[in-house]
Every structure is written in structure tokens, then in C-alpha cells.
Amino acid sequence: MGQLLENYAFRQWVAQALTGFFLVGGLVGVAVGLGLIVNSERTLRFFGTVNRWVSMRRASRPLEIPRDTSRAVQKNRRWLAAAFIAGGAFATYILTTKFNANAASQLLNLTALHPSIASWIVDSARLILIAGNLIAVLAGILLAFFPAALAALEAGGSSWFSERRLVKGVDTQNLSLDNWVAAYPRSAGAIITAGALLLLGNFGIMLLGMR
């Protein structure tokens, strides 16, 4: 990805594509602005038919339903414990004995950084992975031999946070700008047209400079 971004032809293509996008947006803005000035009623009626409100709260509601997996875990706890212990122990062994810092640095594309910074990032990631796998081994042991203790830990540490509650009110429609445009369509059209013409002028000059 880094080599692609350093390619001049690719960056030139991205710049031209973005400039073309903003030019099209400017043309649309001019059309909307002139429509509000020349024929406000028809333009507002058109936008009234095409506007649709999509509530993210309704769309994300199934994702916010808590699902208890404790019965399935307890039913298959020995198999899960064996997978946690074996997987965690194997990963810890590889990370402590077979880890190649140079290969990891190249994989994460850290070669462009200072060697000390790249080494610090790789070593930190390695230690975090080792700690996570040791926790997985411990969780497997508790699940296999001390399920009650693990259940008590889960009960004390598990908390349900609803994103829908945290962002409640953000999804509420705010039509103050729409109402202002409907009340003063010609003034809004003049502002939109002026802004769109400024956009067209700036990006038109940029597009000509790229050729």
C-alpha cells in the first residue's frame, strides 16, 4: 500500500478523481440553487418526494439484543478448555522461541520508521500477545477444573453497555435547515449557487493545472 501511495501516476489519478467528484458536486449545487431561485415550489416538492429518513436505531436494534452463551459454554466446557489451553500454550511457545522481529516488522510495514521505534512497536505487540495467550491458558484451566470460580469472575466483570442508549437522541431528525430553506427558498438558492460556483472555480482551476 505504501508503494502504491508513493507512485506518482496513482496519486495523480486520485487527485483527478477527487477533483472531478467535487466538480460534479458543484454542478449539482448550481442546479439546485437555480432551481430554488427560478421555481422554488417545484424544487421543494421534488426534494420532498426523494428525501427518506433512515433510522440507524431501528437498523441496529437486532445487534443490541443480549445473547447468553453460558449454557452452551458449560455444555462444551471441556472441549473449549482444551482448545484454550492448547491454543494459548502453542502460541506462547511460538512467540517466545520462534518469533522473528525483522519478519514481523516487514509484515507490519514498519521498515520506514526509525529502527528503535519499529523494534519498540514489534516488542510491545509481542508482549501483549504473550499476555493474552497466558490469560487464555488460565481461562481454560478455570473452565476445566474450576467452572464455579470462572462463573463468579464473569458475573463480577461482565457488564452490558447499550450503544443505542449512549447515542439516544443523536438519531433524532433535525429539520431546522430544511425548514429555513422552505421558508426562504430564493435566499437559500442564492447562497447555494454562490458556494457551488466558488467550488467549480477552485476545482476547475486545479483540474486545468493537472493537465
C-alpha atoms as a PDB file:
ATOM      1  CA  MET A   1       0.000   0.000   0.000  1.00  0.00           C
ATOM      2  CA  GLY A   2       2.864   2.360   0.841  1.00  0.00           C
ATOM      3  CA  GLN A   3       4.486   1.782  -2.550  1.00  0.00           C
ATOM      4  CA  LEU A   4       1.156   2.426  -4.259  1.00  0.00           C
ATOM      5  CA  LEU A   5       0.749   5.767  -2.479  1.00  0.00           C
ATOM      6  CA  GLU A   6       4.292   6.746  -3.456  1.00  0.00           C
ATOM      7  CA  ASN A   7       3.501   6.127  -7.139  1.00  0.00           C
ATOM      8  CA  TYR A   8       3.140   9.484  -8.915  1.00  0.00           C
ATOM      9  CA  ALA A   9       0.687   8.209 -11.529  1.00  0.00           C
ATOM     10  CA  PHE A  10      -1.598   6.740  -8.861  1.00  0.00           C
ATOM     11  CA  ARG A  11      -1.575   9.945  -6.803  1.00  0.00           C
ATOM     12  CA  GLN A  12      -2.287  11.951  -9.947  1.00  0.00           C
ATOM     13  CA  TRP A  13      -5.239   9.690 -10.747  1.00  0.00           C
ATOM     14  CA  VAL A  14      -6.632  10.028  -7.188  1.00  0.00           C
ATOM     15  CA  ALA A  15      -6.273  13.828  -7.341  1.00  0.00           C
ATOM     16  CA  GLN A  16      -8.060  13.995 -10.695  1.00  0.00           C
ATOM     17  CA  ALA A  17     -10.825  11.678  -9.490  1.00  0.00           C
ATOM     18  CA  LEU A  18     -11.429  13.787  -6.353  1.00  0.00           C
ATOM     19  CA  THR A  19     -11.362  16.991  -8.382  1.00  0.00           C
ATOM     20  CA  GLY A  20     -13.886  15.535 -10.834  1.00  0.00           C
ATOM     21  CA  PHE A  21     -16.094  14.466  -7.906  1.00  0.00           C
ATOM     22  CA  PHE A  22     -16.148  17.976  -6.448  1.00  0.00           C
ATOM     23  CA  LEU A  23     -16.800  19.462  -9.880  1.00  0.00           C
ATOM     24  CA  VAL A  24     -19.852  17.244 -10.290  1.00  0.00           C
ATOM     25  CA  GLY A  25     -20.941  18.270  -6.784  1.00  0.00           C
ATOM     26  CA  GLY A  26     -20.564  21.917  -7.798  1.00  0.00           C
ATOM     27  CA  LEU A  27     -22.706  21.398 -10.897  1.00  0.00           C
ATOM     28  CA  VAL A  28     -25.393  19.729  -8.796  1.00  0.00           C
ATOM     29  CA  GLY A  29     -25.215  22.627  -6.347  1.00  0.00           C
ATOM     30  CA  VAL A  30     -25.675  25.155  -9.157  1.00  0.00           C
ATOM     31  CA  ALA A  31     -28.674  23.200 -10.472  1.00  0.00           C
ATOM     32  CA  VAL A  32     -30.260  23.060  -7.007  1.00  0.00           C
ATOM     33  CA  GLY A  33     -29.597  26.725  -6.312  1.00  0.00           C
ATOM     34  CA  LEU A  34     -31.004  27.893  -9.639  1.00  0.00           C
ATOM     35  CA  GLY A  35     -33.988  25.594  -9.172  1.00  0.00           C
ATOM     36  CA  LEU A  36     -34.766  27.213  -5.800  1.00  0.00           C
ATOM     37  CA  ILE A  37     -34.446  30.686  -7.342  1.00  0.00           C
ATOM     38  CA  VAL A  38     -36.399  30.087 -10.563  1.00  0.00           C
ATOM     39  CA  ASN A  39     -39.045  27.590  -9.456  1.00  0.00           C
ATOM     40  CA  SER A  40     -38.969  27.173  -5.672  1.00  0.00           C
ATOM     41  CA  GLU A  41     -42.234  25.282  -5.343  1.00  0.00           C
ATOM     42  CA  ARG A  42     -41.371  22.547  -7.847  1.00  0.00           C
ATOM     43  CA  THR A  43     -37.812  22.152  -6.498  1.00  0.00           C
ATOM     44  CA  LEU A  44     -39.012  21.798  -2.899  1.00  0.00           C
ATOM     45  CA  ARG A  45     -41.692  19.343  -3.980  1.00  0.00           C
ATOM     46  CA  PHE A  46     -39.068  17.262  -5.819  1.00  0.00           C
ATOM     47  CA  PHE A  47     -36.828  17.060  -2.756  1.00  0.00           C
ATOM     48  CA  GLY A  48     -39.841  16.212  -0.629  1.00  0.00           C
ATOM     49  CA  THR A  49     -40.505  13.140  -2.775  1.00  0.00           C
ATOM     50  CA  VAL A  50     -36.888  11.889  -2.858  1.00  0.00           C
ATOM     51  CA  ASN A  51     -35.938  12.541   0.786  1.00  0.00           C
ATOM     52  CA  ARG A  52     -36.101   9.455   3.005  1.00  0.00           C
ATOM     53  CA  TRP A  53     -35.237   9.204   6.692  1.00  0.00           C
ATOM     54  CA  VAL A  54     -33.392   6.010   7.671  1.00  0.00           C
ATOM     55  CA  SER A  55     -33.172   5.376  11.414  1.00  0.00           C
ATOM     56  CA  MET A  56     -29.941   3.689  12.486  1.00  0.00           C
ATOM     57  CA  ARG A  57     -31.517   2.842  15.846  1.00  0.00           C
ATOM     58  CA  ARG A  58     -34.080   0.631  14.132  1.00  0.00           C
ATOM     59  CA  ALA A  59     -31.481  -0.906  11.806  1.00  0.00           C
ATOM     60  CA  SER A  60     -29.068  -1.707  14.652  1.00  0.00           C
ATOM     61  CA  ARG A  61     -31.682  -2.968  17.111  1.00  0.00           C
ATOM     62  CA  PRO A  62     -31.060  -6.713  16.455  1.00  0.00           C
ATOM     63  CA  LEU A  63     -27.344  -6.171  17.166  1.00  0.00           C
ATOM     64  CA  GLU A  64     -28.125  -4.732  20.616  1.00  0.00           C
ATOM     65  CA  ILE A  65     -30.052  -7.748  21.930  1.00  0.00           C
ATOM     66  CA  PRO A  66     -28.019  -9.532  24.661  1.00  0.00           C
ATOM     67  CA  ARG A  67     -27.408 -13.206  23.965  1.00  0.00           C
ATOM     68  CA  ASP A  68     -26.420 -15.519  26.818  1.00  0.00           C
ATOM     69  CA  THR A  69     -23.936 -18.217  25.744  1.00  0.00           C
ATOM     70  CA  SER A  70     -23.231 -19.562  29.237  1.00  0.00           C
ATOM     71  CA  ARG A  71     -25.327 -22.711  28.715  1.00  0.00           C
ATOM     72  CA  ALA A  72     -23.510 -23.604  25.503  1.00  0.00           C
ATOM     73  CA  VAL A  73     -20.157 -22.926  27.167  1.00  0.00           C
ATOM     74  CA  GLN A  74     -20.970 -25.076  30.203  1.00  0.00           C
ATOM     75  CA  LYS A  75     -22.237 -27.869  27.973  1.00  0.00           C
ATOM     76  CA  ASN A  76     -18.984 -27.980  25.986  1.00  0.00           C
ATOM     77  CA  ARG A  77     -16.656 -26.580  28.621  1.00  0.00           C
ATOM     78  CA  ARG A  78     -14.103 -29.402  28.494  1.00  0.00           C
ATOM     79  CA  TRP A  79     -13.664 -29.095  24.717  1.00  0.00           C
ATOM     80  CA  LEU A  80     -13.438 -25.338  24.974  1.00  0.00           C
ATOM     81  CA  ALA A  81     -10.986 -25.574  27.855  1.00  0.00           C
ATOM     82  CA  ALA A  82      -8.786 -27.941  25.875  1.00  0.00           C
ATOM     83  CA  ALA A  83      -8.840 -25.564  22.879  1.00  0.00           C
ATOM     84  CA  PHE A  84      -7.957 -22.560  25.070  1.00  0.00           C
ATOM     85  CA  ILE A  85      -5.108 -24.349  26.825  1.00  0.00           C
ATOM     86  CA  ALA A  86      -3.650 -25.976  23.723  1.00  0.00           C
ATOM     87  CA  GLY A  87      -4.012 -22.874  21.539  1.00  0.00           C
ATOM     88  CA  GLY A  88      -2.698 -20.497  24.182  1.00  0.00           C
ATOM     89  CA  ALA A  89       0.260 -22.727  25.081  1.00  0.00           C
ATOM     90  CA  PHE A  90       1.217 -23.283  21.436  1.00  0.00           C
ATOM     91  CA  ALA A  91       1.000 -19.578  20.594  1.00  0.00           C
ATOM     92  CA  THR A  92       3.023 -18.663  23.690  1.00  0.00           C
ATOM     93  CA  TYR A  93       5.717 -21.184  22.749  1.00  0.00           C
ATOM     94  CA  ILE A  94       5.966 -19.789  19.198  1.00  0.00           C
ATOM     95  CA  LEU A  95       6.050 -16.186  20.421  1.00  0.00           C
ATOM     96  CA  THR A  96       8.812 -16.908  22.938  1.00  0.00           C
ATOM     97  CA  THR A  97      11.044 -19.239  20.909  1.00  0.00           C
ATOM     98  CA  LYS A  98      10.334 -18.810  17.178  1.00  0.00           C
ATOM     99  CA  PHE A  99       9.478 -15.117  16.930  1.00  0.00           C
ATOM    100  CA  ASN A 100      11.256 -13.189  14.157  1.00  0.00           C
ATOM    101  CA  ALA A 101      11.221  -9.457  14.858  1.00  0.00           C
ATOM    102  CA  ASN A 102      12.532  -8.493  11.407  1.00  0.00           C
ATOM    103  CA  ALA A 103       9.870 -10.515   9.620  1.00  0.00           C
ATOM    104  CA  ALA A 104       7.159  -9.017  11.844  1.00  0.00           C
ATOM    105  CA  SER A 105       8.451  -5.505  11.119  1.00  0.00           C
ATOM    106  CA  GLN A 106       8.288  -6.142   7.367  1.00  0.00           C
ATOM    107  CA  LEU A 107       4.835  -7.710   7.658  1.00  0.00           C
ATOM    108  CA  LEU A 108       3.524  -4.643   9.511  1.00  0.00           C
ATOM    109  CA  ASN A 109       5.286  -2.334   7.016  1.00  0.00           C
ATOM    110  CA  LEU A 110       7.355  -0.665   9.759  1.00  0.00           C
ATOM    111  CA  THR A 111      10.612  -0.552   7.788  1.00  0.00           C
ATOM    112  CA  ALA A 112      10.096   3.142   7.001  1.00  0.00           C
ATOM    113  CA  LEU A 113      10.204   4.020  10.722  1.00  0.00           C
ATOM    114  CA  HIS A 114      13.302   4.509  12.830  1.00  0.00           C
ATOM    115  CA  PRO A 115      14.682   1.068  13.855  1.00  0.00           C
ATOM    116  CA  SER A 116      14.252   1.790  17.580  1.00  0.00           C
ATOM    117  CA  ILE A 117      10.605   2.815  17.124  1.00  0.00           C
ATOM    118  CA  ALA A 118       9.853  -0.183  14.895  1.00  0.00           C
ATOM    119  CA  SER A 119      11.527  -2.512  17.412  1.00  0.00           C
ATOM    120  CA  TRP A 120       9.517  -0.991  20.277  1.00  0.00           C
ATOM    121  CA  ILE A 121       6.226  -1.478  18.401  1.00  0.00           C
ATOM    122  CA  VAL A 122       7.048  -5.083  17.487  1.00  0.00           C
ATOM    123  CA  ASP A 123       8.235  -5.986  21.004  1.00  0.00           C
ATOM    124  CA  SER A 124       5.178  -4.359  22.591  1.00  0.00           C
ATOM    125  CA  ALA A 125       2.834  -6.257  20.288  1.00  0.00           C
ATOM    126  CA  ARG A 126       4.678  -9.486  21.063  1.00  0.00           C
ATOM    127  CA  LEU A 127       4.387  -8.989  24.834  1.00  0.00           C
ATOM    128  CA  ILE A 128       0.684  -8.145  24.532  1.00  0.00           C
ATOM    129  CA  LEU A 129       0.087 -11.326  22.525  1.00  0.00           C
ATOM    130  CA  ILE A 130       2.018 -13.415  25.049  1.00  0.00           C
ATOM    131  CA  ALA A 131      -0.006 -11.950  27.925  1.00  0.00           C
ATOM    132  CA  GLY A 132      -3.253 -12.576  26.068  1.00  0.00           C
ATOM    133  CA  ASN A 133      -2.374 -16.197  25.377  1.00  0.00           C
ATOM    134  CA  LEU A 134      -1.356 -16.795  29.001  1.00  0.00           C
ATOM    135  CA  ILE A 135      -4.729 -15.418  30.059  1.00  0.00           C
ATOM    136  CA  ALA A 136      -6.358 -17.826  27.591  1.00  0.00           C
ATOM    137  CA  VAL A 137      -4.467 -20.739  29.192  1.00  0.00           C
ATOM    138  CA  LEU A 138      -5.587 -19.585  32.644  1.00  0.00           C
ATOM    139  CA  ALA A 139      -9.181 -19.252  31.446  1.00  0.00           C
ATOM    140  CA  GLY A 140      -9.021 -22.776  30.021  1.00  0.00           C
ATOM    141  CA  ILE A 141      -7.750 -24.193  33.346  1.00  0.00           C
ATOM    142  CA  LEU A 142     -10.501 -22.408  35.267  1.00  0.00           C
ATOM    143  CA  LEU A 143     -13.120 -23.561  32.777  1.00  0.00           C
ATOM    144  CA  ALA A 144     -11.976 -27.180  33.021  1.00  0.00           C
ATOM    145  CA  PHE A 145     -11.366 -27.545  36.765  1.00  0.00           C
ATOM    146  CA  PHE A 146     -12.935 -24.519  38.483  1.00  0.00           C
ATOM    147  CA  PRO A 147     -16.064 -23.606  36.486  1.00  0.00           C
ATOM    148  CA  ALA A 148     -17.777 -22.036  39.501  1.00  0.00           C
ATOM    149  CA  ALA A 149     -14.838 -19.681  40.095  1.00  0.00           C
ATOM    150  CA  LEU A 150     -14.833 -18.686  36.426  1.00  0.00           C
ATOM    151  CA  ALA A 151     -18.588 -18.070  36.507  1.00  0.00           C
ATOM    152  CA  ALA A 152     -18.125 -15.833  39.566  1.00  0.00           C
ATOM    153  CA  LEU A 153     -15.414 -13.856  37.771  1.00  0.00           C
ATOM    154  CA  GLU A 154     -17.634 -13.457  34.723  1.00  0.00           C
ATOM    155  CA  ALA A 155     -20.589 -12.344  36.848  1.00  0.00           C
ATOM    156  CA  GLY A 156     -18.460  -9.719  38.568  1.00  0.00           C
ATOM    157  CA  GLY A 157     -16.739  -8.420  35.483  1.00  0.00           C
ATOM    158  CA  SER A 158     -19.414  -8.696  32.817  1.00  0.00           C
ATOM    159  CA  SER A 159     -21.430  -5.565  32.105  1.00  0.00           C
ATOM    160  CA  TRP A 160     -23.776  -4.795  29.251  1.00  0.00           C
ATOM    161  CA  PHE A 161     -23.392  -1.407  27.576  1.00  0.00           C
ATOM    162  CA  SER A 162     -26.019  -0.456  25.038  1.00  0.00           C
ATOM    163  CA  GLU A 163     -24.784   1.705  22.200  1.00  0.00           C
ATOM    164  CA  ARG A 164     -28.362   2.643  21.402  1.00  0.00           C
ATOM    165  CA  ARG A 165     -28.743   4.145  24.878  1.00  0.00           C
ATOM    166  CA  LEU A 166     -25.448   6.019  24.655  1.00  0.00           C
ATOM    167  CA  VAL A 167     -26.373   7.661  21.334  1.00  0.00           C
ATOM    168  CA  LYS A 168     -30.046   8.143  22.121  1.00  0.00           C
ATOM    169  CA  GLY A 169     -31.189  11.445  20.697  1.00  0.00           C
ATOM    170  CA  VAL A 170     -28.433  11.628  18.079  1.00  0.00           C
ATOM    171  CA  ASP A 171     -30.707   9.858  15.597  1.00  0.00           C
ATOM    172  CA  THR A 172     -33.488  12.414  16.033  1.00  0.00           C
ATOM    173  CA  GLN A 173     -34.368  14.347  12.899  1.00  0.00           C
ATOM    174  CA  ASN A 174     -33.241  17.967  12.849  1.00  0.00           C
ATOM    175  CA  LEU A 175     -35.164  19.787  10.138  1.00  0.00           C
ATOM    176  CA  SER A 176     -34.272  23.362  11.117  1.00  0.00           C
ATOM    177  CA  LEU A 177     -32.152  23.878   7.983  1.00  0.00           C
ATOM    178  CA  ASP A 178     -34.804  22.260   5.767  1.00  0.00           C
ATOM    179  CA  ASN A 179     -37.476  24.478   7.285  1.00  0.00           C
ATOM    180  CA  TRP A 180     -35.331  27.578   6.738  1.00  0.00           C
ATOM    181  CA  VAL A 181     -34.789  26.649   3.071  1.00  0.00           C
ATOM    182  CA  ALA A 182     -38.513  26.075   2.658  1.00  0.00           C
ATOM    183  CA  ALA A 183     -39.249  29.460   4.262  1.00  0.00           C
ATOM    184  CA  TYR A 184     -36.638  31.395   2.257  1.00  0.00           C
ATOM    185  CA  PRO A 185     -36.042  29.331  -0.900  1.00  0.00           C
ATOM    186  CA  ARG A 186     -34.665  32.118  -3.065  1.00  0.00           C
ATOM    187  CA  SER A 187     -32.192  33.313  -0.445  1.00  0.00           C
ATOM    188  CA  ALA A 188     -31.081  29.716   0.129  1.00  0.00           C
ATOM    189  CA  GLY A 189     -30.811  29.211  -3.627  1.00  0.00           C
ATOM    190  CA  ALA A 190     -28.610  32.285  -3.985  1.00  0.00           C
ATOM    191  CA  ILE A 191     -26.276  31.086  -1.193  1.00  0.00           C
ATOM    192  CA  ILE A 192     -26.098  27.561  -2.639  1.00  0.00           C
ATOM    193  CA  THR A 193     -25.441  28.874  -6.150  1.00  0.00           C
ATOM    194  CA  ALA A 194     -22.669  31.196  -4.964  1.00  0.00           C
ATOM    195  CA  GLY A 195     -20.982  28.420  -2.992  1.00  0.00           C
ATOM    196  CA  ALA A 196     -21.286  25.984  -5.895  1.00  0.00           C
ATOM    197  CA  LEU A 197     -19.797  28.487  -8.344  1.00  0.00           C
ATOM    198  CA  LEU A 198     -16.885  29.074  -5.975  1.00  0.00           C
ATOM    199  CA  LEU A 199     -16.390  25.311  -5.757  1.00  0.00           C
ATOM    200  CA  LEU A 200     -16.487  24.970  -9.532  1.00  0.00           C
ATOM    201  CA  GLY A 201     -13.999  27.776  -9.992  1.00  0.00           C
ATOM    202  CA  ASN A 202     -11.473  26.434  -7.476  1.00  0.00           C
ATOM    203  CA  PHE A 203     -11.536  22.824  -8.608  1.00  0.00           C
ATOM    204  CA  GLY A 204     -11.788  23.777 -12.270  1.00  0.00           C
ATOM    205  CA  ILE A 205      -8.524  25.700 -11.924  1.00  0.00           C
ATOM    206  CA  MET A 206      -6.985  22.714 -10.124  1.00  0.00           C
ATOM    207  CA  LEU A 207      -8.092  20.336 -12.867  1.00  0.00           C
ATOM    208  CA  LEU A 208      -6.609  22.569 -15.578  1.00  0.00           C
ATOM    209  CA  GLY A 209      -3.347  22.759 -13.624  1.00  0.00           C
ATOM    210  CA  MET A 210      -3.069  18.960 -13.540  1.00  0.00           C
ATOM    211  CA  ARG A 211      -3.043  18.680 -17.351  1.00  0.00           C
END
